[in-house]
């Protein structure tokens, strides 16, 4: 204990001896060292009805119309992809201490197929609004917390507000679709990244969306149902985040 106290005292003495203009950099490096050993497992949801539609109708192309597939569901192919990912998910070691999932149905369904509660004893499962997809189309409009809680009762919903939790400029109309501005989206992704890095768990799994994952990881593109593992140190290096 004495040596620990001595080390802490020396660290404090060193930091306070560093010129004030350099302390922020020193603290940032120390913070990076604290977090870089975290192991992060990222997964994209399985194929959805909207994915299939967009495969034949390019978003933004001439004559494009939103097919109004609100909170789009997994296709049979998407269900198969999530089930196939289960073997890899069950082999993750150590077992994730927390599973953070977008509250959109396609992500929750994927999470339950890939990380089944009966076989994957993850201590905490959280539906977190920061992990939602950027609103482009009706498929990115979710359902209210009360409805989610009825169907996904093994998930902690405390982070979700009672009312609209997705981006909307008309919260009185739950079917209103307004594209989430890029600046607001990237600010939210930065919040999500810091939330993940600052959580106490050392092994974290996240099930979310292609747009979120590309922004969150600094450009990685994920296939439907793909799981990819990286350390927090890699994430910080790729994105320049100060944990």
Protein backbone atom coordinates (compact mmCIF):
# COMPACT_ATOMS: atom_id res chain seq x y z
CA UNK A 1 0.00 0.00 0.00
CA UNK A 2 2.86 2.36 0.91
CA UNK A 3 4.46 1.90 -2.51
CA UNK A 4 1.14 2.61 -4.20
CA UNK A 5 0.72 5.82 -2.22
CA UNK A 6 4.30 6.77 -3.06
CA UNK A 7 3.70 6.16 -6.77
CA UNK A 8 0.53 8.22 -6.71
CA UNK A 9 2.29 11.02 -4.89
CA UNK A 10 5.12 10.98 -7.41
CA UNK A 11 2.62 11.05 -10.27
CA UNK A 12 0.84 14.04 -8.78
CA UNK A 13 4.16 15.77 -8.17
CA UNK A 14 5.20 15.10 -11.77
CA UNK A 15 1.96 16.38 -13.27
CA UNK A 16 2.04 19.55 -11.19
CA UNK A 17 5.66 20.10 -12.19
CA UNK A 18 4.74 19.98 -15.88
CA UNK A 19 4.18 23.46 -17.34
CA UNK A 20 0.48 24.26 -17.33
CA UNK A 21 0.31 24.53 -21.12
CA UNK A 22 1.42 20.84 -21.41
CA UNK A 23 -0.75 19.32 -18.67
CA UNK A 24 -3.74 18.76 -20.92
CA UNK A 25 -1.62 16.63 -23.28
CA UNK A 26 -0.16 14.68 -20.35
CA UNK A 27 -3.62 13.97 -18.92
CA UNK A 28 -4.93 12.97 -22.34
CA UNK A 29 -2.09 10.43 -22.72
CA UNK A 30 -2.77 9.07 -19.23
CA UNK A 31 -6.46 8.77 -20.05
CA UNK A 32 -5.65 6.95 -23.29
CA UNK A 33 -3.49 4.46 -21.35
CA UNK A 34 -6.32 3.90 -18.88
CA UNK A 35 -8.79 3.00 -21.64
CA UNK A 36 -6.77 1.41 -24.43
CA UNK A 37 -6.93 -2.12 -22.95
CA UNK A 38 -10.70 -2.25 -23.35
CA UNK A 39 -11.89 -4.80 -25.90
CA UNK A 40 -14.76 -3.68 -28.12
CA UNK A 41 -16.88 -6.02 -30.25
CA UNK A 42 -18.91 -4.18 -32.90
CA UNK A 43 -21.71 -5.80 -34.91
CA UNK A 44 -23.99 -4.61 -37.69
CA UNK A 45 -27.58 -5.85 -37.79
CA UNK A 46 -28.73 -8.43 -40.34
CA UNK A 47 -30.24 -7.63 -43.71
CA UNK A 48 -33.54 -5.73 -43.57
CA UNK A 49 -36.51 -5.10 -45.82
CA UNK A 50 -35.18 -1.59 -46.41
CA UNK A 51 -31.72 -2.93 -47.33
CA UNK A 52 -33.35 -5.02 -50.04
CA UNK A 53 -35.40 -2.08 -51.32
CA UNK A 54 -32.34 0.19 -51.44
CA UNK A 55 -30.46 -2.50 -53.34
CA UNK A 56 -32.88 -1.93 -56.22
CA UNK A 57 -33.68 1.74 -55.64
CA UNK A 58 -30.63 3.88 -54.89
CA UNK A 59 -31.24 6.43 -52.15
CA UNK A 60 -31.47 9.92 -53.66
CA UNK A 61 -31.72 8.71 -57.25
CA UNK A 62 -34.17 10.29 -59.67
CA UNK A 63 -37.72 9.31 -58.80
CA UNK A 64 -36.71 7.73 -55.48
CA UNK A 65 -39.57 7.28 -53.02
CA UNK A 66 -39.47 6.21 -49.39
CA UNK A 67 -41.38 2.89 -49.25
CA UNK A 68 -42.50 3.76 -45.69
CA UNK A 69 -41.00 0.69 -44.04
CA UNK A 70 -41.13 2.18 -40.55
CA UNK A 71 -38.72 0.56 -38.07
CA UNK A 72 -37.79 -1.92 -40.81
CA UNK A 73 -37.63 -5.61 -39.93
CA UNK A 74 -35.08 -8.33 -40.66
CA UNK A 75 -35.64 -10.41 -43.77
CA UNK A 76 -35.30 -14.22 -43.63
CA UNK A 77 -31.76 -13.66 -44.95
CA UNK A 78 -31.11 -11.16 -42.15
CA UNK A 79 -32.35 -13.61 -39.53
CA UNK A 80 -30.04 -16.26 -40.98
CA UNK A 81 -27.08 -13.85 -40.90
CA UNK A 82 -27.68 -13.04 -37.23
CA UNK A 83 -28.06 -16.73 -36.35
CA UNK A 84 -24.84 -17.54 -38.21
CA UNK A 85 -23.03 -14.86 -36.23
CA UNK A 86 -24.04 -16.57 -32.99
CA UNK A 87 -21.15 -19.06 -33.13
CA UNK A 88 -18.63 -16.20 -33.25
CA UNK A 89 -20.51 -14.19 -30.62
CA UNK A 90 -20.51 -17.14 -28.20
CA UNK A 91 -16.75 -17.57 -28.66
CA UNK A 92 -15.90 -14.00 -27.70
CA UNK A 93 -13.51 -14.17 -24.77
CA UNK A 94 -13.75 -12.85 -22.19
CA UNK A 95 -17.55 -12.75 -22.37
CA UNK A 96 -18.73 -9.15 -22.86
CA UNK A 97 -19.74 -7.53 -19.60
CA UNK A 98 -22.31 -5.34 -21.30
CA UNK A 99 -24.22 -5.40 -24.59
CA UNK A 100 -25.17 -1.96 -25.93
CA UNK A 101 -27.82 -2.08 -28.65
CA UNK A 102 -29.58 0.45 -30.84
CA UNK A 103 -33.27 0.65 -29.85
CA UNK A 104 -34.35 0.10 -33.46
CA UNK A 105 -36.06 -3.28 -33.85
CA UNK A 106 -33.61 -4.64 -36.44
CA UNK A 107 -30.71 -4.19 -34.02
CA UNK A 108 -32.55 -5.64 -31.00
CA UNK A 109 -33.67 -8.66 -33.04
CA UNK A 110 -30.13 -9.20 -34.33
CA UNK A 111 -28.71 -8.93 -30.81
CA UNK A 112 -31.11 -11.56 -29.47
CA UNK A 113 -30.26 -13.97 -32.28
CA UNK A 114 -26.49 -13.48 -32.13
CA UNK A 115 -26.22 -13.08 -28.34
CA UNK A 116 -29.19 -15.20 -27.11
CA UNK A 117 -30.00 -14.59 -23.45
CA UNK A 118 -30.34 -18.32 -22.78
CA UNK A 119 -26.81 -19.10 -23.99
CA UNK A 120 -24.87 -15.86 -23.64
CA UNK A 121 -24.78 -14.75 -20.03
CA UNK A 122 -24.01 -11.07 -20.50
CA UNK A 123 -24.63 -9.28 -17.18
CA UNK A 124 -26.21 -6.16 -18.72
CA UNK A 125 -28.14 -5.50 -21.92
CA UNK A 126 -28.86 -1.85 -22.67
CA UNK A 127 -30.99 -0.26 -25.39
CA UNK A 128 -29.19 3.04 -25.86
CA UNK A 129 -30.50 5.93 -28.01
CA UNK A 130 -26.99 7.15 -28.87
CA UNK A 131 -26.51 3.94 -30.90
CA UNK A 132 -29.52 4.54 -33.17
CA UNK A 133 -29.06 4.98 -36.91
CA UNK A 134 -28.99 8.43 -38.44
CA UNK A 135 -32.49 9.24 -39.67
CA UNK A 136 -32.57 9.02 -43.45
CA UNK A 137 -35.87 7.27 -44.13
CA UNK A 138 -38.94 5.82 -42.43
CA UNK A 139 -36.88 2.74 -41.55
CA UNK A 140 -34.94 4.85 -39.04
CA UNK A 141 -38.06 5.87 -37.12
CA UNK A 142 -38.52 3.67 -34.08
CA UNK A 143 -41.27 2.89 -31.60
CA UNK A 144 -41.82 4.31 -28.14
CA UNK A 145 -40.12 2.98 -25.04
CA UNK A 146 -43.32 1.46 -23.65
CA UNK A 147 -43.74 -0.75 -26.71
CA UNK A 148 -40.07 -1.75 -26.71
CA UNK A 149 -40.18 -2.64 -23.02
CA UNK A 150 -43.10 -5.00 -23.59
CA UNK A 151 -41.25 -6.95 -26.27
CA UNK A 152 -37.63 -6.69 -25.09
CA UNK A 153 -38.08 -6.91 -21.33
CA UNK A 154 -34.56 -8.25 -20.76
CA UNK A 155 -33.09 -4.90 -21.86
CA UNK A 156 -32.40 -1.91 -19.65
CA UNK A 157 -34.41 0.95 -21.15
CA UNK A 158 -33.45 3.59 -18.59
CA UNK A 159 -31.51 5.66 -21.14
CA UNK A 160 -34.57 5.99 -23.38
CA UNK A 161 -36.96 8.90 -22.88
CA UNK A 162 -40.65 8.06 -22.68
CA UNK A 163 -41.42 9.93 -25.88
CA UNK A 164 -39.66 10.20 -29.26
CA UNK A 165 -35.97 9.20 -28.91
CA UNK A 166 -34.98 9.42 -32.60
CA UNK A 167 -34.25 12.66 -34.45
CA UNK A 168 -37.44 14.53 -35.29
CA UNK A 169 -38.47 18.09 -35.99
CA UNK A 170 -42.11 17.30 -35.22
CA UNK A 171 -42.27 15.29 -32.02
CA UNK A 172 -46.06 15.40 -31.98
CA UNK A 173 -46.11 13.29 -35.14
CA UNK A 174 -44.32 9.98 -34.57
CA UNK A 175 -44.40 9.23 -38.31
CA UNK A 176 -42.63 12.43 -39.29
CA UNK A 177 -39.39 11.77 -41.21
CA UNK A 178 -36.72 14.49 -41.32
CA UNK A 179 -33.12 13.65 -42.19
CA UNK A 180 -30.86 14.10 -39.18
CA UNK A 181 -28.38 16.93 -39.96
CA UNK A 182 -24.82 15.71 -40.41
CA UNK A 183 -23.45 18.00 -37.68
CA UNK A 184 -25.97 16.71 -35.14
CA UNK A 185 -25.30 13.10 -36.15
CA UNK A 186 -21.52 13.40 -35.77
CA UNK A 187 -21.90 15.15 -32.43
CA UNK A 188 -24.03 12.22 -31.25
CA UNK A 189 -21.47 9.69 -32.50
CA UNK A 190 -18.76 11.49 -30.54
CA UNK A 191 -20.97 11.22 -27.44
CA UNK A 192 -21.46 7.50 -28.10
CA UNK A 193 -17.73 6.91 -28.58
CA UNK A 194 -16.90 8.67 -25.33
CA UNK A 195 -19.70 6.84 -23.53
CA UNK A 196 -18.25 3.49 -24.62
CA UNK A 197 -14.68 4.44 -23.71
CA UNK A 198 -15.62 5.84 -20.32
CA UNK A 199 -17.80 2.93 -19.20
CA UNK A 200 -16.33 0.85 -16.35
CA UNK A 201 -16.56 -2.47 -18.22
CA UNK A 202 -13.41 -3.78 -19.92
CA UNK A 203 -15.20 -5.93 -22.51
CA UNK A 204 -18.08 -4.33 -24.41
CA UNK A 205 -20.26 -5.51 -27.29
CA UNK A 206 -22.25 -3.08 -29.45
CA UNK A 207 -24.95 -3.97 -32.01
CA UNK A 208 -25.82 -1.07 -34.26
CA UNK A 209 -25.97 0.19 -37.87
CA UNK A 210 -23.70 0.70 -40.88
CA UNK A 211 -23.76 4.50 -40.74
CA UNK A 212 -23.09 4.52 -37.01
CA UNK A 213 -20.27 1.99 -37.27
CA UNK A 214 -18.55 3.79 -40.14
CA UNK A 215 -18.57 7.08 -38.21
CA UNK A 216 -17.83 5.46 -34.84
CA UNK A 217 -14.79 3.45 -35.99
CA UNK A 218 -13.26 6.03 -38.29
CA UNK A 219 -14.36 4.56 -41.60
CA UNK A 220 -14.76 0.80 -41.27
CA UNK A 221 -17.52 -0.62 -43.47
CA UNK A 222 -19.46 -3.55 -42.00
CA UNK A 223 -21.42 -6.20 -43.87
CA UNK A 224 -24.83 -7.21 -42.56
CA UNK A 225 -24.33 -9.52 -39.59
CA UNK A 226 -20.57 -8.90 -39.36
CA UNK A 227 -18.78 -8.82 -36.00
CA UNK A 228 -15.44 -7.03 -35.76
CA UNK A 229 -13.23 -6.68 -32.67
CA UNK A 230 -10.85 -3.86 -31.84
CA UNK A 231 -9.22 -2.42 -28.75
CA UNK A 232 -10.14 0.96 -27.35
CA UNK A 233 -6.58 2.05 -28.12
CA UNK A 234 -7.13 1.29 -31.81
CA UNK A 235 -10.42 3.18 -31.76
CA UNK A 236 -8.78 6.21 -30.16
CA UNK A 237 -5.91 6.12 -32.67
CA UNK A 238 -8.27 5.87 -35.66
CA UNK A 239 -10.61 8.64 -34.55
CA UNK A 240 -8.42 10.97 -32.50
CA UNK A 241 -10.86 10.78 -29.59
CA UNK A 242 -9.66 11.91 -26.18
CA UNK A 243 -11.18 9.31 -23.84
